[in-house]
Amino acid sequence: MPVKLEDRPIEQVREETIDKLIVNYSHEVISKEAFERRLDEAMATNQHQTLVELVADLPMATDADYQKQKQASFGAASVASAENEKLVSILSSNTRKGPWVAPAHLKIIDVLGSVTLDFSEAHFAQPNVEIEINNVLGSLSLLVPDNVAVVSRASHILGSSDDHSPERSDVATQTITVTGWSLLGSVDVSVKRNMRERWLSFANSMREAFGMQRR
């Protein structure tokens, strides 16, 4: 017996809706204007039924080729992440970017170093990620898409920190919580490319793959 629609994870239903939008847009079943309008609606709502109704009139469904292209574009979606990881930066710099997998708990030891975590293309295996810092005269930079909330609960001694919340709290799909302590260090948060831009870029690449012209 299938699971009731309203009992399914909302992000799973949202992603299925966006997948179907992209397939039909890439085959010119719907126009660019209709695709972008429906994409905006899909990303803004948290109602299961609304998501299903957005694509109820579209005939084409995803297939193995689409999933292969999506995996190539979004990278780490099917890669399992470790529950706990540690990153040590002493008099050095460390950067994580691209389609990496964010662990549930990441401990950072930063002494006179710098650490940059770019989450703009990261895959979140968990809805909540904890970053525990032990920071002495170091700097931690978090680059996040605009649908990710960042909350700092770390203790700062002669240091500084930034929080980030999406403009609409109901569209926050992941939360990063910073814990631990920082002595004469800093934690900075910057907003990078949002998910809407990533979906649009992928949709246009799919159109080109099927020989359609971008409009």
Protein backbone atom coordinates (compact mmCIF):
# COMPACT_ATOMS: atom_id res chain seq x y z
CA MET A 1 0.00 0.00 0.00
CA PRO A 2 1.56 3.34 -1.03
CA VAL A 3 2.44 5.94 1.57
CA LYS A 4 -0.03 8.79 1.86
CA LEU A 5 1.12 11.86 -0.05
CA GLU A 6 1.04 14.11 3.01
CA ASP A 7 3.21 11.63 4.95
CA ARG A 8 6.05 11.69 2.43
CA PRO A 9 9.10 13.96 3.02
CA ILE A 10 8.25 17.32 1.47
CA GLU A 11 11.71 17.75 -0.08
CA GLN A 12 11.40 14.40 -1.85
CA VAL A 13 8.05 15.43 -3.36
CA ARG A 14 9.50 18.83 -4.30
CA GLU A 15 12.46 17.26 -6.08
CA GLU A 16 10.21 14.87 -8.01
CA THR A 17 8.08 17.83 -9.09
CA ILE A 18 11.11 19.80 -10.26
CA ASP A 19 12.45 16.75 -12.10
CA LYS A 20 9.20 16.43 -14.03
CA LEU A 21 9.19 20.16 -14.80
CA ILE A 22 12.71 19.93 -16.23
CA VAL A 23 11.95 16.88 -18.38
CA ASN A 24 8.92 18.54 -19.95
CA TYR A 25 10.70 21.88 -20.39
CA SER A 26 13.71 20.19 -21.99
CA HIS A 27 11.37 18.60 -24.58
CA GLU A 28 9.52 21.90 -25.16
CA VAL A 29 6.26 20.63 -23.72
CA ILE A 30 6.08 23.87 -21.71
CA SER A 31 7.58 27.28 -22.40
CA LYS A 32 10.50 28.88 -20.57
CA GLU A 33 8.11 31.32 -18.90
CA ALA A 34 5.82 28.54 -17.70
CA PHE A 35 8.78 26.49 -16.49
CA GLU A 36 10.26 29.35 -14.44
CA ARG A 37 6.87 30.30 -13.01
CA ARG A 38 6.15 26.73 -11.92
CA LEU A 39 9.70 26.29 -10.62
CA ASP A 40 9.30 29.36 -8.41
CA GLU A 41 5.99 28.02 -7.11
CA ALA A 42 7.53 24.59 -6.42
CA MET A 43 10.38 26.10 -4.43
CA ALA A 44 8.10 28.42 -2.45
CA THR A 45 5.41 26.00 -1.29
CA ASN A 46 5.45 23.47 1.52
CA GLN A 47 2.14 21.88 0.52
CA HIS A 48 2.36 18.35 -0.87
CA GLN A 49 -0.82 18.62 -2.92
CA THR A 50 0.26 21.93 -4.46
CA LEU A 51 3.49 20.33 -5.68
CA VAL A 52 1.65 17.42 -7.27
CA GLU A 53 -0.86 19.71 -8.98
CA LEU A 54 1.93 21.81 -10.50
CA VAL A 55 2.87 18.93 -12.81
CA ALA A 56 -0.41 17.04 -13.05
CA ASP A 57 -0.95 18.19 -16.66
CA LEU A 58 2.55 17.33 -17.88
CA PRO A 59 2.81 14.06 -19.87
CA MET A 60 6.52 13.23 -19.71
CA ALA A 61 8.22 11.48 -16.79
CA THR A 62 11.87 11.06 -15.86
CA ASP A 63 13.85 8.09 -17.13
CA ALA A 64 17.27 6.50 -16.63
CA ASP A 65 18.98 8.94 -19.02
CA TYR A 66 17.61 11.91 -17.09
CA GLN A 67 18.78 10.48 -13.76
CA LYS A 68 22.24 9.87 -15.24
CA GLN A 69 22.47 13.48 -16.43
CA LYS A 70 21.23 14.73 -13.07
CA GLN A 71 23.79 12.66 -11.20
CA ALA A 72 26.56 14.06 -13.39
CA SER A 73 25.37 17.62 -12.75
CA PHE A 74 24.64 17.42 -9.03
CA GLY A 75 27.43 15.02 -8.22
CA ALA A 76 27.25 13.59 -4.74
CA ALA A 77 23.53 12.98 -4.44
CA SER A 78 23.84 9.23 -3.96
CA VAL A 79 27.07 9.17 -1.96
CA ALA A 80 26.77 8.20 1.67
CA SER A 81 28.35 10.53 4.20
CA ALA A 82 30.15 9.75 7.43
CA GLU A 83 28.31 10.67 10.59
CA ASN A 84 31.41 12.33 12.09
CA GLU A 85 34.45 13.89 10.48
CA LYS A 86 37.40 15.96 11.67
CA LEU A 87 39.31 18.68 9.83
CA VAL A 88 42.58 20.03 11.27
CA SER A 89 44.12 23.29 10.02
CA ILE A 90 47.28 24.45 11.80
CA LEU A 91 49.19 27.28 10.10
CA SER A 92 47.53 26.21 6.86
CA SER A 93 44.40 26.65 4.77
CA ASN A 94 41.74 24.08 3.92
CA THR A 95 38.86 24.37 1.45
CA ARG A 96 35.96 22.08 0.67
CA LYS A 97 33.90 22.92 -2.39
CA GLY A 98 32.08 21.36 -5.31
CA PRO A 99 29.73 18.37 -4.92
CA TRP A 100 31.01 17.16 -1.54
CA VAL A 101 28.88 15.41 1.07
CA ALA A 102 28.29 17.28 4.32
CA PRO A 103 28.57 14.98 7.37
CA ALA A 104 26.12 15.15 10.25
CA HIS A 105 28.92 16.41 12.53
CA LEU A 106 32.15 18.07 11.44
CA LYS A 107 34.75 19.04 14.04
CA ILE A 108 37.23 21.72 12.97
CA ILE A 109 40.48 22.42 14.83
CA ASP A 110 41.87 25.68 13.47
CA VAL A 111 45.05 27.24 14.89
CA LEU A 112 46.41 30.26 12.99
CA GLY A 113 44.82 28.83 9.85
CA SER A 114 41.84 29.32 7.59
CA VAL A 115 39.02 26.98 6.65
CA THR A 116 36.50 27.59 3.86
CA LEU A 117 33.45 25.37 3.51
CA ASP A 118 31.51 26.01 0.32
CA PHE A 119 28.05 24.44 0.60
CA SER A 120 26.70 25.87 -2.67
CA GLU A 121 26.98 22.47 -4.41
CA ALA A 122 27.19 20.24 -1.35
CA HIS A 123 24.80 17.36 -0.74
CA PHE A 124 23.16 17.31 2.69
CA ALA A 125 22.57 13.71 3.75
CA GLN A 126 21.00 15.12 6.92
CA PRO A 127 18.67 18.14 7.29
CA ASN A 128 20.80 19.41 10.19
CA VAL A 129 24.59 19.70 10.13
CA GLU A 130 26.65 20.58 13.21
CA ILE A 131 30.04 22.24 12.80
CA GLU A 132 32.00 22.15 16.04
CA ILE A 133 34.93 24.57 16.10
CA ASN A 134 38.03 24.85 18.28
CA ASN A 135 39.43 28.05 16.81
CA VAL A 136 42.53 29.96 17.97
CA LEU A 137 43.44 33.00 15.83
CA GLY A 138 41.88 31.27 12.85
CA SER A 139 39.09 32.04 10.42
CA LEU A 140 36.16 29.94 9.28
CA SER A 141 34.20 30.97 6.16
CA LEU A 142 30.89 29.35 5.29
CA LEU A 143 29.53 29.85 1.77
CA VAL A 144 25.90 28.75 1.63
CA PRO A 145 23.01 28.83 -0.86
CA ASP A 146 20.10 31.02 0.16
CA ASN A 147 17.90 28.11 1.26
CA VAL A 148 20.30 27.09 4.04
CA ALA A 149 20.06 28.65 7.50
CA VAL A 150 23.20 29.12 9.60
CA VAL A 151 22.94 29.49 13.37
CA SER A 152 25.94 30.18 15.61
CA ARG A 153 25.90 28.83 19.16
CA ALA A 154 29.67 28.96 19.57
CA SER A 155 31.36 30.92 22.36
CA HIS A 156 33.55 33.75 21.08
CA ILE A 157 36.35 35.40 23.05
CA LEU A 158 37.47 38.63 21.37
CA GLY A 159 36.15 37.20 18.11
CA SER A 160 33.23 37.63 15.74
CA SER A 161 30.53 35.57 14.07
CA ASP A 162 27.69 35.92 11.56
CA ASP A 163 24.32 34.19 11.33
CA HIS A 164 22.30 33.72 8.17
CA SER A 165 18.59 33.07 7.76
CA PRO A 166 16.76 32.79 4.45
CA GLU A 167 14.47 35.68 3.53
CA ARG A 168 11.53 33.30 3.91
CA SER A 169 12.12 30.93 6.81
CA ASP A 170 9.63 28.42 5.39
CA VAL A 171 11.95 27.62 2.48
CA ALA A 172 14.95 26.70 4.63
CA THR A 173 15.66 23.09 3.68
CA GLN A 174 18.83 22.63 5.75
CA THR A 175 20.28 24.14 8.89
CA ILE A 176 23.95 24.46 9.79
CA THR A 177 24.62 24.97 13.49
CA VAL A 178 28.04 26.21 14.58
CA THR A 179 29.07 25.13 18.10
CA GLY A 180 32.31 25.06 20.10
CA TRP A 181 34.52 28.06 20.82
CA SER A 182 36.70 30.65 19.13
CA LEU A 183 39.56 32.67 20.65
CA LEU A 184 40.56 35.76 18.67
CA GLY A 185 39.05 34.13 15.61
CA SER A 186 36.17 34.73 13.21
CA VAL A 187 33.25 32.87 11.67
CA ASP A 188 31.89 34.49 8.51
CA VAL A 189 28.85 33.49 6.46
CA SER A 190 28.31 34.47 2.82
CA VAL A 191 25.39 33.60 0.55
CA LYS A 192 26.32 32.04 -2.79
CA ARG A 193 24.47 30.73 -5.80
CA ASN A 194 20.93 29.68 -4.93
CA MET A 195 19.18 26.43 -5.81
CA ARG A 196 16.89 28.12 -8.33
CA GLU A 197 19.91 29.11 -10.43
CA ARG A 198 21.29 25.57 -10.23
CA TRP A 199 17.99 24.05 -11.37
CA LEU A 200 17.73 26.57 -14.22
CA SER A 201 21.28 25.83 -15.33
CA PHE A 202 20.61 22.09 -15.29
CA ALA A 203 17.31 22.52 -17.16
CA ASN A 204 19.02 24.51 -19.92
CA SER A 205 21.77 21.89 -20.19
CA MET A 206 19.07 19.24 -20.64
CA ARG A 207 17.45 21.27 -23.42
CA GLU A 208 20.79 21.50 -25.21
CA ALA A 209 21.28 17.74 -24.77
CA PHE A 210 18.01 17.18 -26.64
CA GLY A 211 18.95 19.65 -29.37
CA MET A 212 16.61 22.42 -28.21
CA GLN A 213 17.68 26.04 -28.41
CA ARG A 214 17.85 28.17 -25.27
CA ARG A 215 15.37 31.04 -25.28
